[in-house]
N, C-alpha and C. Protein backbone atom coordinates (compact mmCIF):
# COMPACT_ATOMS: atom_id res chain seq x y z
N UNK A 1 21.32 -24.29 23.28
CA UNK A 1 22.36 -23.14 23.17
C UNK A 1 21.93 -22.41 22.00
N UNK A 2 21.28 -21.19 22.35
CA UNK A 2 21.31 -20.25 21.32
C UNK A 2 22.15 -18.81 21.61
N UNK A 3 22.55 -18.47 20.44
CA UNK A 3 23.62 -17.56 20.54
C UNK A 3 23.13 -16.04 20.34
N UNK A 4 23.29 -15.09 20.71
CA UNK A 4 22.76 -13.80 20.41
C UNK A 4 23.05 -13.51 18.94
N UNK A 5 22.08 -13.04 18.37
CA UNK A 5 21.97 -12.68 16.94
C UNK A 5 22.47 -11.12 16.94
N UNK A 6 23.36 -10.80 16.18
CA UNK A 6 23.61 -9.30 15.96
C UNK A 6 23.83 -9.18 14.39
N UNK A 7 23.65 -7.80 14.22
CA UNK A 7 23.76 -7.50 13.02
C UNK A 7 24.99 -6.89 12.52
N UNK A 8 25.87 -7.66 11.54
CA UNK A 8 27.13 -7.14 11.55
C UNK A 8 27.35 -5.91 11.22
N UNK A 9 26.86 -5.51 10.33
CA UNK A 9 26.79 -3.95 9.78
C UNK A 9 26.53 -3.04 10.86
N UNK A 10 25.66 -2.98 11.68
CA UNK A 10 25.55 -2.36 13.12
C UNK A 10 26.92 -2.56 13.99
N UNK A 11 27.17 -3.70 13.95
CA UNK A 11 28.38 -3.93 14.92
C UNK A 11 29.47 -3.61 14.39
N UNK A 12 30.02 -3.58 13.18
CA UNK A 12 31.06 -2.90 12.53
C UNK A 12 31.01 -1.16 12.95
N UNK A 13 29.86 -0.82 12.62
CA UNK A 13 29.93 0.66 12.72
C UNK A 13 30.07 1.11 14.12
N UNK A 14 29.43 0.49 15.16
CA UNK A 14 29.81 0.68 16.54
C UNK A 14 31.08 0.60 17.07
N UNK A 15 31.80 -0.23 16.20
CA UNK A 15 33.02 -0.55 16.59
C UNK A 15 34.11 0.42 15.96
N UNK A 16 33.87 1.14 15.07
CA UNK A 16 34.48 2.33 13.92
C UNK A 16 34.17 3.48 14.95
N UNK A 17 32.94 3.80 15.68
CA UNK A 17 32.49 4.93 16.54
C UNK A 17 33.47 4.87 17.52
N UNK A 18 33.71 3.58 18.43
CA UNK A 18 34.53 3.41 19.40
C UNK A 18 35.81 3.84 19.13
N UNK A 19 36.47 3.29 18.10
CA UNK A 19 37.80 3.71 17.68
C UNK A 19 37.95 5.20 17.37
N UNK A 20 37.17 5.72 16.68
CA UNK A 20 37.20 7.10 16.56
C UNK A 20 37.22 8.10 17.64
N UNK A 21 36.43 7.30 18.90
CA UNK A 21 36.20 8.22 19.88
C UNK A 21 37.64 8.07 20.90
N UNK A 22 38.02 7.13 20.75
CA UNK A 22 39.41 6.78 21.31
C UNK A 22 40.64 7.66 20.69
N UNK A 23 40.50 7.50 19.49
CA UNK A 23 41.57 8.43 18.74
C UNK A 23 41.33 9.90 19.14
N UNK A 24 40.15 10.44 19.28
CA UNK A 24 39.75 11.86 19.46
C UNK A 24 40.24 12.11 20.77
N UNK A 25 40.07 11.44 21.67
CA UNK A 25 40.41 11.49 23.29
C UNK A 25 41.79 11.51 23.41
N UNK A 26 42.52 10.66 22.53
CA UNK A 26 44.25 10.70 22.53
C UNK A 26 44.46 12.39 21.89
N UNK A 27 43.70 12.56 21.06
CA UNK A 27 44.21 13.87 20.40
C UNK A 27 43.85 15.06 21.24
N UNK A 28 42.81 14.99 22.12
CA UNK A 28 42.47 16.20 22.87
C UNK A 28 43.61 16.18 24.11
N UNK A 29 44.02 15.18 24.46
CA UNK A 29 45.13 14.96 25.36
C UNK A 29 46.32 15.52 24.80
N UNK A 30 46.69 15.19 23.63
CA UNK A 30 47.92 15.65 23.20
C UNK A 30 48.16 17.04 22.50
N UNK A 31 46.86 17.53 21.99
CA UNK A 31 46.98 18.91 21.26
C UNK A 31 46.30 19.75 21.90
N UNK A 32 45.36 19.58 22.88
CA UNK A 32 44.43 20.45 23.31
C UNK A 32 44.81 21.24 24.67
N UNK A 33 44.31 22.37 24.64
CA UNK A 33 44.41 23.11 25.79
C UNK A 33 43.12 23.77 26.30
N UNK A 34 42.75 23.87 27.60
CA UNK A 34 41.75 24.57 28.14
C UNK A 34 41.68 26.06 28.01
N UNK A 35 40.59 26.75 27.97
CA UNK A 35 40.56 28.27 27.59
C UNK A 35 41.43 28.81 28.75
N UNK A 36 41.44 28.43 29.97
CA UNK A 36 42.13 29.06 31.04
C UNK A 36 43.61 29.08 30.50
N UNK A 37 44.05 28.02 30.15
CA UNK A 37 45.52 27.71 30.02
C UNK A 37 46.05 28.79 28.60
N UNK A 38 44.98 28.88 27.65
CA UNK A 38 45.53 29.70 26.64
C UNK A 38 45.36 31.22 27.00
N UNK A 39 44.52 31.65 27.86
CA UNK A 39 44.61 33.19 28.53
C UNK A 39 45.78 33.29 29.21
N UNK A 40 45.91 32.31 29.95
CA UNK A 40 47.23 32.52 31.04
C UNK A 40 48.42 32.47 30.06
N UNK A 41 48.80 31.97 29.11
CA UNK A 41 49.63 32.11 28.05
C UNK A 41 49.70 33.63 27.40
N UNK A 42 48.79 33.71 27.03
CA UNK A 42 48.55 35.21 26.31
C UNK A 42 48.95 36.27 27.34
N UNK A 43 48.27 36.07 28.77
CA UNK A 43 48.50 37.11 29.67
C UNK A 43 50.45 37.16 30.07
N UNK A 44 50.88 35.97 30.10
CA UNK A 44 52.28 35.69 30.17
C UNK A 44 52.98 36.59 29.10
N UNK A 45 52.51 36.35 28.00
CA UNK A 45 53.28 36.88 26.50
C UNK A 45 53.14 38.44 26.84
N UNK A 46 51.85 38.82 26.91
CA UNK A 46 51.54 40.41 26.94
C UNK A 46 52.17 41.08 28.06
N UNK A 47 52.42 40.49 29.31
CA UNK A 47 53.31 41.10 30.23
C UNK A 47 54.94 40.98 29.98
N UNK A 48 55.48 39.99 29.31
CA UNK A 48 56.56 40.08 28.93
C UNK A 48 57.10 41.11 27.75
N UNK A 49 56.17 41.16 26.92
CA UNK A 49 56.47 42.31 25.92
C UNK A 49 56.43 43.45 26.48
N UNK A 50 55.39 44.10 27.49
CA UNK A 50 55.31 45.27 28.10
C UNK A 50 56.55 45.39 28.85
N UNK A 51 57.28 44.30 29.62
CA UNK A 51 58.35 44.86 30.47
C UNK A 51 59.83 45.00 29.31
N UNK A 52 59.57 44.21 28.02
CA UNK A 52 60.57 44.65 27.12
C UNK A 52 60.57 45.89 26.63
N UNK A 53 59.40 46.35 26.37
CA UNK A 53 59.06 47.88 25.84
C UNK A 53 59.65 48.71 26.98
N UNK A 54 59.26 48.42 28.27
CA UNK A 54 59.80 49.49 29.17
C UNK A 54 61.01 49.63 29.31
N UNK A 55 61.93 48.82 28.98
CA UNK A 55 63.28 48.79 29.23
C UNK A 55 64.09 49.36 28.10
N UNK A 56 63.45 49.45 26.93
CA UNK A 56 63.80 49.80 25.59
C UNK A 56 64.27 51.36 25.56
N UNK A 57 65.50 51.51 25.11
CA UNK A 57 65.96 53.08 24.98
C UNK A 57 65.53 53.55 23.76
N UNK A 58 65.09 54.76 23.85
CA UNK A 58 64.60 55.59 22.56
C UNK A 58 65.93 56.39 22.22
N UNK A 59 66.12 56.55 20.63
CA UNK A 59 67.19 57.31 20.24
C UNK A 59 66.62 58.80 19.67
N UNK A 60 67.36 59.79 19.75
CA UNK A 60 66.87 61.14 19.40
C UNK A 60 67.49 61.11 17.82
N UNK A 61 66.74 61.37 17.10
CA UNK A 61 67.10 61.33 15.50
C UNK A 61 67.40 62.91 14.97
N UNK A 62 67.71 63.58 15.92
CA UNK A 62 68.65 65.01 15.37
C UNK A 62 69.94 65.05 15.13
């Protein structure tokens, strides 16, 4: 019965990398948005601002 020999330092580093990747994936899900989503939001905001400006009444300063 021979067990597989492992380098503990390498094992710990691999485990740490795995944990960091899991954390990064969670951050991408909770904070990240795709480029298309960002562009859609920007376009909607610009359209809303334009509609607001079109309905604005201008005062005569005379």
